[in-house]
Amino acid sequence: MTVPPVPAGLDSIAGSGGLRDVVEGCLALHAQDFPAGAGLRLATMADLPTLVDIVDWATSQTKREGLFLRMSEEFLAEFIRYGIVLLPMSDSKILGYSNAMQANSAHPPFLDGPYSRAPGLLFGTVLGPEGRAQGWHGRLIRIRMDIFRMAGFVSVQCTVSPFNQVSLGNLLAAEFRAYGLKDMLDGHPRFLLRHDFGQKAISGQCRKLVLPKSGSVADHKALLADGYVGVSLERGEAASLCYVAGSG
């Protein structure tokens, strides 16, 4: 298996003592927010078969293509070696997993721009019913953001399907902002989101666009191309994404 070189400054979050201290310290800070009997730990190679089983299960449960990118065993192994794979636990049972990695030549930033240091990238979070019910999705977003912040990163990025309104809402609630929309490697559209640590508030009149449950999102893509930024999600029978003018 060919894996990307570890970028300068990363020190391998999964294997470096210094950055492992950041991860473990961050998990300790968040521990008081965990449900009773629950915990969180870093995955090791010994967990790889379980991660593959989780992906297979999630794929079998997903009725719509494109809601999430199916990760191969090779890709999951890259995250264990060169990134973060967090495992939420309940009474020693693994409830799912959540990935993150610093951008590198094999996994470039989702959004173009001048970077003095490659940003952190949040990848997939896959949870079973128990993990979702315990609120792990939003919690894992905040924890991964804090890991990168505590490690000295200035920005984190991620992608999300416009039809995955639960994930989109949780990311926007964590103060991510949508700056673009494009088809990814699997041929399905994804919003391109970014959070800059220390970012300033964007003010202005909200322009709402309904998020369809399927079909074209060309109107959202056009608005983003005009310089609007997606900042919040209004849920309801027809969920709407609120856009504000500005480069953010």
C-alpha atoms as a PDB file:
ATOM      1  CA  MET A   1       0.000   0.000   0.000  1.00  0.00           C
ATOM      2  CA  THR A   2       1.321   3.453  -0.935  1.00  0.00           C
ATOM      3  CA  VAL A   3       0.564   6.151   1.597  1.00  0.00           C
ATOM      4  CA  PRO A   4       1.193   9.902   1.303  1.00  0.00           C
ATOM      5  CA  PRO A   5       4.258  11.373   2.954  1.00  0.00           C
ATOM      6  CA  VAL A   6       3.615  13.006   6.288  1.00  0.00           C
ATOM      7  CA  PRO A   7       3.503  16.777   5.615  1.00  0.00           C
ATOM      8  CA  ALA A   8       6.031  19.030   7.298  1.00  0.00           C
ATOM      9  CA  GLY A   9       4.751  20.137  10.668  1.00  0.00           C
ATOM     10  CA  LEU A  10       2.270  17.292  11.103  1.00  0.00           C
ATOM     11  CA  ASP A  11       4.521  14.860  13.022  1.00  0.00           C
ATOM     12  CA  SER A  12       1.819  12.205  12.445  1.00  0.00           C
ATOM     13  CA  ILE A  13      -1.040  12.780  14.851  1.00  0.00           C
ATOM     14  CA  ALA A  14      -1.551   9.045  15.260  1.00  0.00           C
ATOM     15  CA  GLY A  15       2.090   8.331  16.035  1.00  0.00           C
ATOM     16  CA  SER A  16       3.736  11.476  17.401  1.00  0.00           C
ATOM     17  CA  GLY A  17       4.129  11.801  21.149  1.00  0.00           C
ATOM     18  CA  GLY A  18       3.634  15.579  21.033  1.00  0.00           C
ATOM     19  CA  LEU A  19       0.460  15.594  18.986  1.00  0.00           C
ATOM     20  CA  ARG A  20      -0.835  12.462  20.687  1.00  0.00           C
ATOM     21  CA  ASP A  21      -0.608  14.506  23.879  1.00  0.00           C
ATOM     22  CA  VAL A  22      -2.828  17.099  22.180  1.00  0.00           C
ATOM     23  CA  VAL A  23      -5.359  14.434  21.211  1.00  0.00           C
ATOM     24  CA  GLU A  24      -5.440  12.789  24.618  1.00  0.00           C
ATOM     25  CA  GLY A  25      -5.564  16.151  26.384  1.00  0.00           C
ATOM     26  CA  CYS A  26      -8.466  17.275  24.210  1.00  0.00           C
ATOM     27  CA  LEU A  27     -10.387  14.067  24.858  1.00  0.00           C
ATOM     28  CA  ALA A  28      -9.876  14.568  28.587  1.00  0.00           C
ATOM     29  CA  LEU A  29     -11.285  18.102  28.358  1.00  0.00           C
ATOM     30  CA  HIS A  30     -14.397  16.842  26.571  1.00  0.00           C
ATOM     31  CA  ALA A  31     -14.894  13.767  28.763  1.00  0.00           C
ATOM     32  CA  GLN A  32     -17.350  15.545  31.053  1.00  0.00           C
ATOM     33  CA  ASP A  33     -19.642  15.964  28.032  1.00  0.00           C
ATOM     34  CA  PHE A  34     -19.744  12.224  27.290  1.00  0.00           C
ATOM     35  CA  PRO A  35     -22.910  10.245  28.072  1.00  0.00           C
ATOM     36  CA  ALA A  36     -22.813   8.009  31.142  1.00  0.00           C
ATOM     37  CA  GLY A  37     -20.795   4.867  30.474  1.00  0.00           C
ATOM     38  CA  ALA A  38     -19.375   6.280  27.227  1.00  0.00           C
ATOM     39  CA  GLY A  39     -15.823   7.065  26.196  1.00  0.00           C
ATOM     40  CA  LEU A  40     -13.668   7.970  23.218  1.00  0.00           C
ATOM     41  CA  ARG A  41     -10.316   6.626  22.074  1.00  0.00           C
ATOM     42  CA  LEU A  42      -7.947   6.595  19.109  1.00  0.00           C
ATOM     43  CA  ALA A  43      -8.178   3.619  16.761  1.00  0.00           C
ATOM     44  CA  THR A  44      -5.208   1.337  16.124  1.00  0.00           C
ATOM     45  CA  MET A  45      -4.521  -1.103  13.313  1.00  0.00           C
ATOM     46  CA  ALA A  46      -6.135  -3.793  15.444  1.00  0.00           C
ATOM     47  CA  ASP A  47      -9.449  -1.937  14.963  1.00  0.00           C
ATOM     48  CA  LEU A  48      -9.232  -1.946  11.151  1.00  0.00           C
ATOM     49  CA  PRO A  49     -11.494  -5.012  10.622  1.00  0.00           C
ATOM     50  CA  THR A  50     -14.145  -3.404  12.839  1.00  0.00           C
ATOM     51  CA  LEU A  51     -13.947  -0.159  10.846  1.00  0.00           C
ATOM     52  CA  VAL A  52     -14.433  -2.086   7.603  1.00  0.00           C
ATOM     53  CA  ASP A  53     -17.482  -3.811   9.106  1.00  0.00           C
ATOM     54  CA  ILE A  54     -18.909  -0.415  10.127  1.00  0.00           C
ATOM     55  CA  VAL A  55     -18.484   0.910   6.574  1.00  0.00           C
ATOM     56  CA  ASP A  56     -20.164  -2.185   5.126  1.00  0.00           C
ATOM     57  CA  TRP A  57     -23.057  -1.822   7.572  1.00  0.00           C
ATOM     58  CA  ALA A  58     -23.488   1.901   6.830  1.00  0.00           C
ATOM     59  CA  THR A  59     -23.458   1.251   3.084  1.00  0.00           C
ATOM     60  CA  SER A  60     -26.179  -1.375   3.454  1.00  0.00           C
ATOM     61  CA  GLN A  61     -28.324   1.065   5.457  1.00  0.00           C
ATOM     62  CA  THR A  62     -27.950   4.042   3.105  1.00  0.00           C
ATOM     63  CA  LYS A  63     -30.836   4.264   0.673  1.00  0.00           C
ATOM     64  CA  ARG A  64     -29.469   7.263  -1.246  1.00  0.00           C
ATOM     65  CA  GLU A  65     -26.167   7.262  -3.101  1.00  0.00           C
ATOM     66  CA  GLY A  66     -23.793  10.122  -2.415  1.00  0.00           C
ATOM     67  CA  LEU A  67     -24.735  10.847   1.192  1.00  0.00           C
ATOM     68  CA  PHE A  68     -21.287   9.754   2.266  1.00  0.00           C
ATOM     69  CA  LEU A  69     -18.105   8.564   0.589  1.00  0.00           C
ATOM     70  CA  ARG A  70     -17.483   4.878   1.181  1.00  0.00           C
ATOM     71  CA  MET A  71     -13.962   4.457   2.586  1.00  0.00           C
ATOM     72  CA  SER A  72     -11.840   1.514   1.520  1.00  0.00           C
ATOM     73  CA  GLU A  73      -9.741  -0.528   3.928  1.00  0.00           C
ATOM     74  CA  GLU A  74      -6.633   1.111   2.446  1.00  0.00           C
ATOM     75  CA  PHE A  75      -8.035   4.598   3.030  1.00  0.00           C
ATOM     76  CA  LEU A  76      -8.990   3.767   6.608  1.00  0.00           C
ATOM     77  CA  ALA A  77      -5.474   2.446   7.220  1.00  0.00           C
ATOM     78  CA  GLU A  78      -4.042   5.776   6.010  1.00  0.00           C
ATOM     79  CA  PHE A  79      -6.065   7.600   8.639  1.00  0.00           C
ATOM     80  CA  ILE A  80      -4.895   5.314  11.412  1.00  0.00           C
ATOM     81  CA  ARG A  81      -1.243   5.842  10.393  1.00  0.00           C
ATOM     82  CA  TYR A  82      -1.241   9.504   9.405  1.00  0.00           C
ATOM     83  CA  GLY A  83      -4.376  11.048  10.854  1.00  0.00           C
ATOM     84  CA  ILE A  84      -7.017  10.682  13.527  1.00  0.00           C
ATOM     85  CA  VAL A  85      -9.600   7.918  13.804  1.00  0.00           C
ATOM     86  CA  LEU A  86     -11.739   8.444  16.894  1.00  0.00           C
ATOM     87  CA  LEU A  87     -13.898   5.631  18.239  1.00  0.00           C
ATOM     88  CA  PRO A  88     -16.885   6.526  20.442  1.00  0.00           C
ATOM     89  CA  MET A  89     -17.485   3.716  22.924  1.00  0.00           C
ATOM     90  CA  SER A  90     -20.304   2.622  25.201  1.00  0.00           C
ATOM     91  CA  ASP A  91     -19.646  -0.178  27.692  1.00  0.00           C
ATOM     92  CA  SER A  92     -16.673  -1.316  25.530  1.00  0.00           C
ATOM     93  CA  LYS A  93     -18.842  -1.402  22.380  1.00  0.00           C
ATOM     94  CA  ILE A  94     -17.643   0.665  19.396  1.00  0.00           C
ATOM     95  CA  LEU A  95     -20.507   2.913  18.252  1.00  0.00           C
ATOM     96  CA  GLY A  96     -18.855   4.177  15.052  1.00  0.00           C
ATOM     97  CA  TYR A  97     -15.835   6.162  13.951  1.00  0.00           C
ATOM     98  CA  SER A  98     -14.799   9.688  12.958  1.00  0.00           C
ATOM     99  CA  ASN A  99     -11.792  10.651  10.805  1.00  0.00           C
ATOM    100  CA  ALA A 100      -9.541  13.674  10.335  1.00  0.00           C
ATOM    101  CA  MET A 101      -6.194  14.396   8.676  1.00  0.00           C
ATOM    102  CA  GLN A 102      -3.989  17.314   7.726  1.00  0.00           C
ATOM    103  CA  ALA A 103      -4.221  18.186   4.032  1.00  0.00           C
ATOM    104  CA  ASN A 104      -1.336  16.830   1.947  1.00  0.00           C
ATOM    105  CA  SER A 105      -0.411  16.085  -1.664  1.00  0.00           C
ATOM    106  CA  ALA A 106      -2.675  13.033  -1.778  1.00  0.00           C
ATOM    107  CA  HIS A 107      -5.544  14.767   0.044  1.00  0.00           C
ATOM    108  CA  PRO A 108      -5.349  18.483  -0.846  1.00  0.00           C
ATOM    109  CA  PRO A 109      -7.492  21.197   0.751  1.00  0.00           C
ATOM    110  CA  PHE A 110     -11.116  21.117  -0.361  1.00  0.00           C
ATOM    111  CA  LEU A 111     -11.074  24.885  -0.920  1.00  0.00           C
ATOM    112  CA  ASP A 112      -8.395  26.688  -2.912  1.00  0.00           C
ATOM    113  CA  GLY A 113      -6.420  29.472  -1.296  1.00  0.00           C
ATOM    114  CA  PRO A 114      -3.014  30.572  -0.063  1.00  0.00           C
ATOM    115  CA  TYR A 115      -2.004  28.456   2.914  1.00  0.00           C
ATOM    116  CA  SER A 116       1.002  29.128   5.117  1.00  0.00           C
ATOM    117  CA  ARG A 117       0.235  25.737   6.655  1.00  0.00           C
ATOM    118  CA  ALA A 118      -1.946  22.986   5.250  1.00  0.00           C
ATOM    119  CA  PRO A 119      -5.350  23.024   6.981  1.00  0.00           C
ATOM    120  CA  GLY A 120      -6.945  20.213   8.925  1.00  0.00           C
ATOM    121  CA  LEU A 121      -9.547  18.158   7.075  1.00  0.00           C
ATOM    122  CA  LEU A 122     -12.561  16.547   8.710  1.00  0.00           C
ATOM    123  CA  PHE A 123     -13.640  13.424   6.857  1.00  0.00           C
ATOM    124  CA  GLY A 124     -16.444  10.991   7.534  1.00  0.00           C
ATOM    125  CA  THR A 125     -18.266  10.220  10.737  1.00  0.00           C
ATOM    126  CA  VAL A 126     -20.194   6.943  10.647  1.00  0.00           C
ATOM    127  CA  LEU A 127     -22.434   6.093  13.593  1.00  0.00           C
ATOM    128  CA  GLY A 128     -24.955   3.424  14.420  1.00  0.00           C
ATOM    129  CA  PRO A 129     -28.368   4.262  15.938  1.00  0.00           C
ATOM    130  CA  GLU A 130     -27.048   4.306  19.516  1.00  0.00           C
ATOM    131  CA  GLY A 131     -24.238   6.710  18.656  1.00  0.00           C
ATOM    132  CA  ARG A 132     -26.588   9.069  16.823  1.00  0.00           C
ATOM    133  CA  ALA A 133     -29.087   9.002  19.681  1.00  0.00           C
ATOM    134  CA  GLN A 134     -26.330   9.964  22.132  1.00  0.00           C
ATOM    135  CA  GLY A 135     -25.439  13.052  20.091  1.00  0.00           C
ATOM    136  CA  TRP A 136     -22.016  11.841  19.012  1.00  0.00           C
ATOM    137  CA  HIS A 137     -22.144  13.429  15.553  1.00  0.00           C
ATOM    138  CA  GLY A 138     -22.117  17.021  16.741  1.00  0.00           C
ATOM    139  CA  ARG A 139     -19.790  16.146  19.624  1.00  0.00           C
ATOM    140  CA  LEU A 140     -17.223  14.588  17.274  1.00  0.00           C
ATOM    141  CA  ILE A 141     -17.257  17.681  15.060  1.00  0.00           C
ATOM    142  CA  ARG A 142     -16.390  19.891  18.021  1.00  0.00           C
ATOM    143  CA  ILE A 143     -13.744  17.500  19.362  1.00  0.00           C
ATOM    144  CA  ARG A 144     -11.911  17.198  16.044  1.00  0.00           C
ATOM    145  CA  MET A 145     -11.990  20.967  15.620  1.00  0.00           C
ATOM    146  CA  ASP A 146     -10.511  21.395  19.093  1.00  0.00           C
ATOM    147  CA  ILE A 147      -7.760  18.860  18.387  1.00  0.00           C
ATOM    148  CA  PHE A 148      -6.602  20.861  15.373  1.00  0.00           C
ATOM    149  CA  ARG A 149      -6.966  24.165  17.218  1.00  0.00           C
ATOM    150  CA  MET A 150      -4.932  22.918  20.186  1.00  0.00           C
ATOM    151  CA  ALA A 151      -2.284  21.605  17.766  1.00  0.00           C
ATOM    152  CA  GLY A 152      -1.821  25.103  16.342  1.00  0.00           C
ATOM    153  CA  PHE A 153      -3.775  24.849  13.100  1.00  0.00           C
ATOM    154  CA  VAL A 154      -5.486  28.001  11.831  1.00  0.00           C
ATOM    155  CA  SER A 155      -8.204  26.425   9.678  1.00  0.00           C
ATOM    156  CA  VAL A 156     -10.230  23.247   9.190  1.00  0.00           C
ATOM    157  CA  GLN A 157     -12.262  22.184   6.168  1.00  0.00           C
ATOM    158  CA  CYS A 158     -14.788  19.510   5.281  1.00  0.00           C
ATOM    159  CA  THR A 159     -17.400  18.529   2.715  1.00  0.00           C
ATOM    160  CA  VAL A 160     -21.003  17.449   3.136  1.00  0.00           C
ATOM    161  CA  SER A 161     -23.800  16.353   0.837  1.00  0.00           C
ATOM    162  CA  PRO A 162     -26.523  19.005   0.371  1.00  0.00           C
ATOM    163  CA  PHE A 163     -29.012  16.182   0.949  1.00  0.00           C
ATOM    164  CA  ASN A 164     -27.487  15.231   4.315  1.00  0.00           C
ATOM    165  CA  GLN A 165     -29.230  17.945   6.269  1.00  0.00           C
ATOM    166  CA  VAL A 166     -28.443  16.517   9.708  1.00  0.00           C
ATOM    167  CA  SER A 167     -24.691  16.648   9.091  1.00  0.00           C
ATOM    168  CA  LEU A 168     -24.907  20.020   7.339  1.00  0.00           C
ATOM    169  CA  GLY A 169     -26.889  21.504  10.220  1.00  0.00           C
ATOM    170  CA  ASN A 170     -24.425  20.197  12.808  1.00  0.00           C
ATOM    171  CA  LEU A 171     -21.449  21.593  10.886  1.00  0.00           C
ATOM    172  CA  LEU A 172     -23.029  25.027  10.478  1.00  0.00           C
ATOM    173  CA  ALA A 173     -23.991  25.014  14.172  1.00  0.00           C
ATOM    174  CA  ALA A 174     -20.278  24.464  14.913  1.00  0.00           C
ATOM    175  CA  GLU A 175     -19.590  27.682  12.927  1.00  0.00           C
ATOM    176  CA  PHE A 176     -18.421  26.094   9.711  1.00  0.00           C
ATOM    177  CA  ARG A 177     -19.353  28.138   6.647  1.00  0.00           C
ATOM    178  CA  ALA A 178     -20.187  26.962   3.139  1.00  0.00           C
ATOM    179  CA  TYR A 179     -17.989  28.607   0.507  1.00  0.00           C
ATOM    180  CA  GLY A 180     -18.489  26.362  -2.504  1.00  0.00           C
ATOM    181  CA  LEU A 181     -20.255  23.373  -4.007  1.00  0.00           C
ATOM    182  CA  LYS A 182     -18.903  20.872  -6.525  1.00  0.00           C
ATOM    183  CA  ASP A 183     -19.159  17.267  -7.636  1.00  0.00           C
ATOM    184  CA  MET A 184     -16.623  15.076  -5.849  1.00  0.00           C
ATOM    185  CA  LEU A 185     -14.804  11.933  -7.011  1.00  0.00           C
ATOM    186  CA  ASP A 186     -17.945   9.816  -6.647  1.00  0.00           C
ATOM    187  CA  GLY A 187     -19.839  12.151  -8.993  1.00  0.00           C
ATOM    188  CA  HIS A 188     -22.142  13.525  -6.278  1.00  0.00           C
ATOM    189  CA  PRO A 189     -22.326  17.173  -5.124  1.00  0.00           C
ATOM    190  CA  ARG A 190     -20.826  18.330  -1.833  1.00  0.00           C
ATOM    191  CA  PHE A 191     -20.805  21.650  -0.078  1.00  0.00           C
ATOM    192  CA  LEU A 192     -17.255  22.823   0.659  1.00  0.00           C
ATOM    193  CA  LEU A 193     -17.080  24.158   4.213  1.00  0.00           C
ATOM    194  CA  ARG A 194     -14.379  25.924   6.211  1.00  0.00           C
ATOM    195  CA  HIS A 195     -13.909  27.163   9.752  1.00  0.00           C
ATOM    196  CA  ASP A 196     -11.061  29.550  10.541  1.00  0.00           C
ATOM    197  CA  PHE A 197     -10.124  29.702  14.205  1.00  0.00           C
ATOM    198  CA  GLY A 198     -10.651  33.305  15.242  1.00  0.00           C
ATOM    199  CA  GLN A 199     -12.902  34.055  12.279  1.00  0.00           C
ATOM    200  CA  LYS A 200     -15.004  37.194  12.480  1.00  0.00           C
ATOM    201  CA  ALA A 201     -18.777  37.211  12.341  1.00  0.00           C
ATOM    202  CA  ILE A 202     -20.391  37.808   8.956  1.00  0.00           C
ATOM    203  CA  SER A 203     -23.229  40.295   9.148  1.00  0.00           C
ATOM    204  CA  GLY A 204     -25.812  41.166   6.562  1.00  0.00           C
ATOM    205  CA  GLN A 205     -29.247  40.268   5.307  1.00  0.00           C
ATOM    206  CA  CYS A 206     -29.970  36.557   5.078  1.00  0.00           C
ATOM    207  CA  ARG A 207     -30.896  35.204   1.673  1.00  0.00           C
ATOM    208  CA  LYS A 208     -32.619  31.828   1.962  1.00  0.00           C
ATOM    209  CA  LEU A 209     -32.585  29.013  -0.554  1.00  0.00           C
ATOM    210  CA  VAL A 210     -34.590  25.833  -0.087  1.00  0.00           C
ATOM    211  CA  LEU A 211     -32.502  22.674   0.097  1.00  0.00           C
ATOM    212  CA  PRO A 212     -34.133  20.019  -2.080  1.00  0.00           C
ATOM    213  CA  LYS A 213     -34.345  16.440  -0.879  1.00  0.00           C
ATOM    214  CA  SER A 214     -32.981  15.379  -4.267  1.00  0.00           C
ATOM    215  CA  GLY A 215     -32.258  16.780  -7.699  1.00  0.00           C
ATOM    216  CA  SER A 216     -30.410  19.883  -8.789  1.00  0.00           C
ATOM    217  CA  VAL A 217     -28.648  22.296  -6.439  1.00  0.00           C
ATOM    218  CA  ALA A 218     -27.489  24.578  -9.251  1.00  0.00           C
ATOM    219  CA  ASP A 219     -29.086  27.617  -7.585  1.00  0.00           C
ATOM    220  CA  HIS A 220     -26.957  27.077  -4.473  1.00  0.00           C
ATOM    221  CA  LYS A 221     -23.820  26.641  -6.581  1.00  0.00           C
ATOM    222  CA  ALA A 222     -24.538  29.869  -8.471  1.00  0.00           C
ATOM    223  CA  LEU A 223     -25.108  31.866  -5.284  1.00  0.00           C
ATOM    224  CA  LEU A 224     -21.861  30.605  -3.773  1.00  0.00           C
ATOM    225  CA  ALA A 225     -20.037  31.487  -6.997  1.00  0.00           C
ATOM    226  CA  ASP A 226     -21.374  35.047  -6.618  1.00  0.00           C
ATOM    227  CA  GLY A 227     -19.578  35.389  -3.282  1.00  0.00           C
ATOM    228  CA  TYR A 228     -22.331  34.425  -0.860  1.00  0.00           C
ATOM    229  CA  VAL A 229     -21.476  32.297   2.170  1.00  0.00           C
ATOM    230  CA  GLY A 230     -23.779  29.702   3.740  1.00  0.00           C
ATOM    231  CA  VAL A 231     -23.975  30.340   7.485  1.00  0.00           C
ATOM    232  CA  SER A 232     -26.998  28.573   8.992  1.00  0.00           C
ATOM    233  CA  LEU A 233     -29.692  26.003   8.317  1.00  0.00           C
ATOM    234  CA  GLU A 234     -33.372  26.539   9.012  1.00  0.00           C
ATOM    235  CA  ARG A 235     -35.090  23.193   9.469  1.00  0.00           C
ATOM    236  CA  GLY A 236     -38.694  22.436   8.701  1.00  0.00           C
ATOM    237  CA  GLU A 237     -40.801  20.672   6.108  1.00  0.00           C
ATOM    238  CA  ALA A 238     -38.599  22.420   3.564  1.00  0.00           C
ATOM    239  CA  ALA A 239     -35.174  23.150   5.047  1.00  0.00           C
ATOM    240  CA  SER A 240     -33.477  26.337   3.872  1.00  0.00           C
ATOM    241  CA  LEU A 241     -29.843  27.390   3.857  1.00  0.00           C
ATOM    242  CA  CYS A 242     -29.227  30.990   4.887  1.00  0.00           C
ATOM    243  CA  TYR A 243     -26.638  32.859   2.818  1.00  0.00           C
ATOM    244  CA  VAL A 244     -24.944  36.160   3.593  1.00  0.00           C
ATOM    245  CA  ALA A 245     -22.958  38.237   1.118  1.00  0.00           C
ATOM    246  CA  GLY A 246     -19.265  38.470   1.872  1.00  0.00           C
ATOM    247  CA  SER A 247     -15.984  36.659   1.411  1.00  0.00           C
ATOM    248  CA  GLY A 248     -15.887  35.537   5.057  1.00  0.00           C
END
